[in-house]
Amino acid sequence: MKGYESYAERLIREAMERGEFENLPGKGKPLELPDNDDPNWWIRRKMERDGLDPVAALPPTLQLRKEGDGFPESLADIRDERTVRRVLDDFNRRVKLDHLAPKFGPNYRVVAHTVDVEDMVQRWRRLRHW
């Protein structure tokens, strides 16, 4: 005796009988399921697959904080001090503009900090082994 078959189960069975699930991409391969309880796993995977930078999805203040946290290592490939100073001055300018922007939402208390250009240039020099 066959048990109850729901409408959805019937649709799936009929589609299988018609062969509509044959030759699908990924057939026979394991599913890539997230290995943690991160509710945003799917967007992280899509961004990675599409080659998108996850930092670009952050609010501007958090983007600036992330950029500032990368100094001086992110400056290591710059060859001349004038360019390093220009990059740091531009960063400080953007941080100051961010301080003037209205803040809304859960991150409104987050603040990006300017960097001490002279200190950062010294650290850059040490990084470049001058």
N, C-alpha and C. Protein backbone atom coordinates (compact mmCIF):
# COMPACT_ATOMS: atom_id res chain seq x y z
N MET A 1 0.83 -1.17 0.00
CA MET A 1 0.00 0.00 0.00
C MET A 1 0.88 1.24 0.00
N LYS A 2 0.61 2.13 -0.91
CA LYS A 2 1.36 3.36 -1.03
C LYS A 2 0.77 4.39 -0.08
N GLY A 3 1.66 5.14 0.62
CA GLY A 3 1.22 6.15 1.58
C GLY A 3 0.80 7.43 0.87
N TYR A 4 0.54 8.41 1.68
CA TYR A 4 0.11 9.71 1.20
C TYR A 4 1.23 10.39 0.43
N GLU A 5 0.90 10.96 -0.71
CA GLU A 5 1.86 11.71 -1.51
C GLU A 5 1.35 13.14 -1.60
N SER A 6 2.16 14.07 -1.10
CA SER A 6 1.75 15.48 -1.13
C SER A 6 1.83 16.00 -2.57
N TYR A 7 1.25 17.15 -2.76
CA TYR A 7 1.26 17.79 -4.08
C TYR A 7 2.70 18.04 -4.53
N ALA A 8 3.54 18.54 -3.62
CA ALA A 8 4.94 18.81 -3.96
C ALA A 8 5.67 17.52 -4.31
N GLU A 9 5.44 16.47 -3.52
CA GLU A 9 6.08 15.19 -3.81
C GLU A 9 5.64 14.65 -5.16
N ARG A 10 4.37 14.81 -5.49
CA ARG A 10 3.86 14.34 -6.79
C ARG A 10 4.54 15.11 -7.93
N LEU A 11 4.66 16.43 -7.78
CA LEU A 11 5.32 17.23 -8.82
C LEU A 11 6.77 16.81 -9.02
N ILE A 12 7.47 16.55 -7.93
CA ILE A 12 8.86 16.12 -8.02
C ILE A 12 8.95 14.75 -8.68
N ARG A 13 8.09 13.80 -8.26
CA ARG A 13 8.11 12.46 -8.85
C ARG A 13 7.84 12.52 -10.35
N GLU A 14 6.84 13.30 -10.75
CA GLU A 14 6.51 13.41 -12.18
C GLU A 14 7.65 14.04 -12.97
N ALA A 15 8.30 15.05 -12.40
CA ALA A 15 9.43 15.68 -13.08
C ALA A 15 10.58 14.69 -13.22
N MET A 16 10.81 13.88 -12.20
CA MET A 16 11.86 12.87 -12.27
C MET A 16 11.53 11.84 -13.35
N GLU A 17 10.28 11.44 -13.45
CA GLU A 17 9.87 10.48 -14.47
C GLU A 17 10.07 11.04 -15.87
N ARG A 18 9.89 12.34 -16.02
CA ARG A 18 10.11 12.98 -17.32
C ARG A 18 11.59 13.24 -17.59
N GLY A 19 12.44 13.01 -16.60
CA GLY A 19 13.88 13.21 -16.78
C GLY A 19 14.33 14.65 -16.65
N GLU A 20 13.54 15.49 -16.00
CA GLU A 20 13.87 16.91 -15.90
C GLU A 20 15.03 17.20 -14.96
N PHE A 21 15.43 16.22 -14.17
CA PHE A 21 16.55 16.42 -13.26
C PHE A 21 17.84 15.81 -13.80
N GLU A 22 17.79 15.28 -15.01
CA GLU A 22 18.98 14.69 -15.62
C GLU A 22 19.88 15.79 -16.19
N ASN A 23 21.16 15.55 -16.20
CA ASN A 23 22.15 16.45 -16.81
C ASN A 23 22.15 17.86 -16.21
N LEU A 24 21.84 17.97 -14.95
CA LEU A 24 21.92 19.28 -14.28
C LEU A 24 23.38 19.56 -13.92
N PRO A 25 23.80 20.82 -13.93
CA PRO A 25 25.17 21.12 -13.52
C PRO A 25 25.39 20.68 -12.08
N GLY A 26 26.52 20.07 -11.83
CA GLY A 26 26.83 19.61 -10.48
C GLY A 26 26.26 18.25 -10.14
N LYS A 27 25.61 17.59 -11.11
CA LYS A 27 25.02 16.28 -10.84
C LYS A 27 26.11 15.30 -10.39
N GLY A 28 25.84 14.61 -9.30
CA GLY A 28 26.78 13.63 -8.78
C GLY A 28 27.87 14.22 -7.91
N LYS A 29 27.88 15.52 -7.74
CA LYS A 29 28.89 16.17 -6.90
C LYS A 29 28.25 16.53 -5.56
N PRO A 30 29.07 16.54 -4.51
CA PRO A 30 28.50 16.89 -3.20
C PRO A 30 28.11 18.37 -3.14
N LEU A 31 27.11 18.66 -2.37
CA LEU A 31 26.70 20.04 -2.17
C LEU A 31 27.73 20.76 -1.30
N GLU A 32 27.98 22.00 -1.62
CA GLU A 32 28.88 22.81 -0.80
C GLU A 32 28.04 23.53 0.25
N LEU A 33 27.92 22.90 1.40
CA LEU A 33 27.13 23.48 2.48
C LEU A 33 28.03 24.28 3.41
N PRO A 34 27.50 25.34 4.00
CA PRO A 34 28.33 26.12 4.93
C PRO A 34 28.70 25.28 6.14
N ASP A 35 29.93 25.48 6.64
CA ASP A 35 30.37 24.68 7.77
C ASP A 35 30.25 25.42 9.10
N ASN A 36 29.48 26.49 9.12
CA ASN A 36 29.24 27.17 10.40
C ASN A 36 27.82 27.72 10.41
N ASP A 37 27.51 28.43 11.44
CA ASP A 37 26.15 28.96 11.59
C ASP A 37 26.03 30.40 11.11
N ASP A 38 26.91 30.81 10.21
CA ASP A 38 26.89 32.18 9.70
C ASP A 38 25.66 32.38 8.83
N PRO A 39 24.75 33.28 9.21
CA PRO A 39 23.54 33.47 8.41
C PRO A 39 23.83 34.13 7.06
N ASN A 40 25.01 34.70 6.90
CA ASN A 40 25.36 35.37 5.64
C ASN A 40 26.28 34.53 4.77
N TRP A 41 26.34 33.22 5.01
CA TRP A 41 27.24 32.36 4.24
C TRP A 41 26.99 32.46 2.75
N TRP A 42 25.73 32.56 2.37
CA TRP A 42 25.39 32.55 0.95
C TRP A 42 25.89 33.82 0.26
N ILE A 43 25.80 34.98 0.91
CA ILE A 43 26.27 36.21 0.27
C ILE A 43 27.79 36.23 0.22
N ARG A 44 28.43 35.69 1.26
CA ARG A 44 29.90 35.61 1.26
C ARG A 44 30.37 34.72 0.11
N ARG A 45 29.69 33.59 -0.08
CA ARG A 45 30.07 32.68 -1.16
C ARG A 45 29.85 33.33 -2.53
N LYS A 46 28.72 34.02 -2.69
CA LYS A 46 28.43 34.68 -3.96
C LYS A 46 29.47 35.76 -4.26
N MET A 47 29.82 36.55 -3.25
CA MET A 47 30.81 37.60 -3.45
C MET A 47 32.16 37.00 -3.84
N GLU A 48 32.52 35.90 -3.19
CA GLU A 48 33.78 35.23 -3.51
C GLU A 48 33.74 34.68 -4.93
N ARG A 49 32.64 34.03 -5.28
CA ARG A 49 32.50 33.45 -6.62
C ARG A 49 32.53 34.51 -7.71
N ASP A 50 31.91 35.68 -7.43
CA ASP A 50 31.85 36.76 -8.42
C ASP A 50 33.07 37.68 -8.36
N GLY A 51 34.02 37.37 -7.48
CA GLY A 51 35.23 38.18 -7.39
C GLY A 51 35.00 39.56 -6.80
N LEU A 52 34.00 39.69 -5.93
CA LEU A 52 33.70 40.98 -5.32
C LEU A 52 34.43 41.13 -3.99
N ASP A 53 34.85 42.33 -3.68
CA ASP A 53 35.55 42.61 -2.43
C ASP A 53 34.53 42.79 -1.31
N PRO A 54 34.55 41.93 -0.28
CA PRO A 54 33.57 42.06 0.80
C PRO A 54 33.67 43.38 1.55
N VAL A 55 34.84 44.01 1.54
CA VAL A 55 34.99 45.30 2.23
C VAL A 55 34.09 46.35 1.59
N ALA A 56 33.85 46.22 0.29
CA ALA A 56 33.01 47.20 -0.41
C ALA A 56 31.57 47.20 0.11
N ALA A 57 31.17 46.13 0.76
CA ALA A 57 29.80 46.05 1.29
C ALA A 57 29.68 46.65 2.69
N LEU A 58 30.80 47.02 3.27
CA LEU A 58 30.79 47.60 4.62
C LEU A 58 30.36 49.07 4.57
N PRO A 59 29.83 49.59 5.67
CA PRO A 59 29.57 51.03 5.76
C PRO A 59 30.89 51.79 5.61
N PRO A 60 30.85 53.03 5.11
CA PRO A 60 32.08 53.79 4.85
C PRO A 60 33.03 53.88 6.04
N THR A 61 32.51 54.09 7.23
CA THR A 61 33.39 54.21 8.40
C THR A 61 34.16 52.91 8.63
N LEU A 62 33.49 51.78 8.48
CA LEU A 62 34.17 50.50 8.67
C LEU A 62 35.18 50.24 7.55
N GLN A 63 34.88 50.70 6.34
CA GLN A 63 35.85 50.60 5.25
C GLN A 63 37.12 51.37 5.60
N LEU A 64 36.95 52.57 6.12
CA LEU A 64 38.10 53.39 6.50
C LEU A 64 38.89 52.73 7.63
N ARG A 65 38.20 52.18 8.61
CA ARG A 65 38.90 51.51 9.71
C ARG A 65 39.71 50.33 9.19
N LYS A 66 39.11 49.57 8.29
CA LYS A 66 39.81 48.41 7.72
C LYS A 66 41.04 48.88 6.94
N GLU A 67 40.87 49.94 6.15
CA GLU A 67 42.00 50.49 5.39
C GLU A 67 43.10 50.96 6.34
N GLY A 68 42.73 51.69 7.39
CA GLY A 68 43.71 52.18 8.35
C GLY A 68 44.43 51.05 9.08
N ASP A 69 43.71 49.98 9.37
CA ASP A 69 44.32 48.82 10.03
C ASP A 69 45.38 48.16 9.16
N GLY A 70 45.31 48.39 7.85
CA GLY A 70 46.27 47.77 6.93
C GLY A 70 47.58 48.52 6.82
N PHE A 71 47.66 49.74 7.40
CA PHE A 71 48.90 50.52 7.34
C PHE A 71 49.89 50.00 8.38
N PRO A 72 51.17 49.97 8.14
CA PRO A 72 51.89 50.39 6.95
C PRO A 72 52.08 49.28 5.92
N GLU A 73 51.63 48.05 6.26
CA GLU A 73 51.87 46.92 5.36
C GLU A 73 51.32 47.17 3.96
N SER A 74 50.16 47.81 3.88
CA SER A 74 49.56 48.05 2.56
C SER A 74 50.35 49.08 1.75
N LEU A 75 51.29 49.76 2.39
CA LEU A 75 52.12 50.76 1.69
C LEU A 75 53.45 50.17 1.22
N ALA A 76 53.71 48.92 1.54
CA ALA A 76 55.03 48.32 1.30
C ALA A 76 55.48 48.37 -0.15
N ASP A 77 54.56 48.29 -1.09
CA ASP A 77 54.95 48.28 -2.50
C ASP A 77 55.17 49.67 -3.08
N ILE A 78 54.86 50.70 -2.32
CA ILE A 78 55.08 52.07 -2.81
C ILE A 78 56.56 52.38 -2.67
N ARG A 79 57.15 52.90 -3.74
CA ARG A 79 58.59 53.07 -3.79
C ARG A 79 59.09 54.40 -3.23
N ASP A 80 58.29 55.45 -3.31
CA ASP A 80 58.82 56.75 -2.88
C ASP A 80 57.98 57.35 -1.75
N GLU A 81 58.67 58.09 -0.90
CA GLU A 81 58.05 58.66 0.30
C GLU A 81 56.96 59.66 -0.03
N ARG A 82 57.14 60.44 -1.09
CA ARG A 82 56.13 61.44 -1.44
C ARG A 82 54.78 60.77 -1.73
N THR A 83 54.80 59.64 -2.42
CA THR A 83 53.56 58.93 -2.72
C THR A 83 52.94 58.36 -1.45
N VAL A 84 53.78 57.86 -0.54
CA VAL A 84 53.27 57.35 0.74
C VAL A 84 52.57 58.47 1.50
N ARG A 85 53.21 59.63 1.55
CA ARG A 85 52.60 60.77 2.24
C ARG A 85 51.29 61.18 1.58
N ARG A 86 51.25 61.13 0.26
CA ARG A 86 50.03 61.49 -0.46
C ARG A 86 48.90 60.51 -0.12
N VAL A 87 49.22 59.22 -0.08
CA VAL A 87 48.21 58.20 0.27
C VAL A 87 47.70 58.43 1.69
N LEU A 88 48.61 58.68 2.63
CA LEU A 88 48.22 58.89 4.03
C LEU A 88 47.43 60.18 4.21
N ASP A 89 47.84 61.24 3.53
CA ASP A 89 47.10 62.50 3.60
C ASP A 89 45.69 62.33 3.04
N ASP A 90 45.57 61.58 1.95
CA ASP A 90 44.25 61.34 1.36
C ASP A 90 43.39 60.52 2.33
N PHE A 91 44.00 59.53 2.96
CA PHE A 91 43.27 58.74 3.95
C PHE A 91 42.75 59.64 5.07
N ASN A 92 43.61 60.48 5.63
CA ASN A 92 43.20 61.38 6.71
C ASN A 92 42.10 62.33 6.26
N ARG A 93 42.18 62.80 5.02
CA ARG A 93 41.14 63.69 4.49
C ARG A 93 39.80 62.97 4.45
N ARG A 94 39.80 61.71 3.98
CA ARG A 94 38.55 60.95 3.90
C ARG A 94 37.99 60.63 5.29
N VAL A 95 38.87 60.38 6.26
CA VAL A 95 38.42 60.14 7.63
C VAL A 95 37.75 61.39 8.19
N LYS A 96 38.36 62.55 7.97
CA LYS A 96 37.78 63.80 8.46
C LYS A 96 36.43 64.08 7.81
N LEU A 97 36.31 63.79 6.53
CA LEU A 97 35.01 63.95 5.86
C LEU A 97 33.98 62.99 6.44
N ASP A 98 34.42 61.78 6.76
CA ASP A 98 33.51 60.80 7.35
C ASP A 98 33.02 61.28 8.72
N HIS A 99 33.88 61.96 9.47
CA HIS A 99 33.46 62.48 10.78
C HIS A 99 32.32 63.49 10.63
N LEU A 100 32.27 64.18 9.50
CA LEU A 100 31.24 65.19 9.28
C LEU A 100 29.92 64.60 8.77
N ALA A 101 29.98 63.38 8.27
CA ALA A 101 28.78 62.76 7.69
C ALA A 101 27.84 62.28 8.80
N PRO A 102 26.53 62.43 8.59
CA PRO A 102 25.58 61.93 9.60
C PRO A 102 25.66 60.41 9.69
N LYS A 103 25.47 59.89 10.88
CA LYS A 103 25.54 58.44 11.11
C LYS A 103 24.18 57.92 11.56
N PHE A 104 23.79 56.81 10.97
CA PHE A 104 22.53 56.17 11.31
C PHE A 104 22.78 54.67 11.48
N GLY A 105 21.89 54.01 12.18
CA GLY A 105 21.95 52.56 12.28
C GLY A 105 22.83 52.08 13.42
N PRO A 106 23.09 50.76 13.43
CA PRO A 106 23.78 50.14 14.55
C PRO A 106 25.25 50.54 14.66
N ASN A 107 25.86 51.05 13.60
CA ASN A 107 27.28 51.38 13.63
C ASN A 107 27.54 52.87 13.83
N TYR A 108 26.56 53.62 14.31
CA TYR A 108 26.73 55.06 14.37
C TYR A 108 27.81 55.50 15.37
N ARG A 109 28.17 54.65 16.31
CA ARG A 109 29.21 55.01 17.28
C ARG A 109 30.61 54.63 16.80
N VAL A 110 30.70 53.90 15.73
CA VAL A 110 32.00 53.48 15.21
C VAL A 110 32.68 54.68 14.58
N VAL A 111 33.94 54.88 14.92
CA VAL A 111 34.69 56.03 14.41
C VAL A 111 35.98 55.53 13.78
N ALA A 112 36.32 56.08 12.63
CA ALA A 112 37.62 55.82 12.02
C ALA A 112 38.57 56.89 12.53
N HIS A 113 39.81 56.54 12.72
CA HIS A 113 40.79 57.49 13.25
C HIS A 113 41.81 57.86 12.19
N THR A 114 42.23 59.11 12.22
CA THR A 114 43.30 59.55 11.33
C THR A 114 44.59 58.87 11.77
N VAL A 115 45.58 58.89 10.89
CA VAL A 115 46.88 58.31 11.22
C VAL A 115 47.90 59.43 11.36
N ASP A 116 48.91 59.19 12.16
CA ASP A 116 50.03 60.12 12.29
C ASP A 116 50.94 59.87 11.09
N VAL A 117 50.95 60.81 10.16
CA VAL A 117 51.68 60.61 8.91
C VAL A 117 53.17 60.40 9.17
N GLU A 118 53.78 61.19 10.05
CA GLU A 118 55.22 61.05 10.31
C GLU A 118 55.54 59.68 10.90
N ASP A 119 54.74 59.24 11.86
CA ASP A 119 54.95 57.93 12.46
C ASP A 119 54.78 56.83 11.41
N MET A 120 53.76 56.96 10.58
CA MET A 120 53.50 55.93 9.57
C MET A 120 54.61 55.90 8.52
N VAL A 121 55.16 57.06 8.16
CA VAL A 121 56.28 57.10 7.21
C VAL A 121 57.49 56.41 7.82
N GLN A 122 57.75 56.64 9.11
CA GLN A 122 58.86 55.95 9.78
C GLN A 122 58.65 54.43 9.77
N ARG A 123 57.45 54.01 10.04
CA ARG A 123 57.15 52.57 10.02
C ARG A 123 57.29 52.02 8.61
N TRP A 124 56.87 52.80 7.61
CA TRP A 124 57.01 52.39 6.20
C TRP A 124 58.49 52.23 5.86
N ARG A 125 59.32 53.18 6.31
CA ARG A 125 60.77 53.09 6.05
C ARG A 125 61.35 51.81 6.66
N ARG A 126 60.97 51.51 7.90
CA ARG A 126 61.47 50.28 8.54
C ARG A 126 61.00 49.05 7.78
N LEU A 127 59.78 49.11 7.31
CA LEU A 127 59.22 47.99 6.55
C LEU A 127 60.00 47.78 5.25
N ARG A 128 60.43 48.88 4.65
CA ARG A 128 61.19 48.82 3.39
C ARG A 128 62.68 48.62 3.65
N HIS A 129 63.09 48.55 4.93
CA HIS A 129 64.48 48.32 5.35
C HIS A 129 65.39 49.46 4.93
N TRP A 130 64.98 50.69 5.20
CA TRP A 130 65.83 51.85 4.88
C TRP A 130 66.75 52.12 6.01
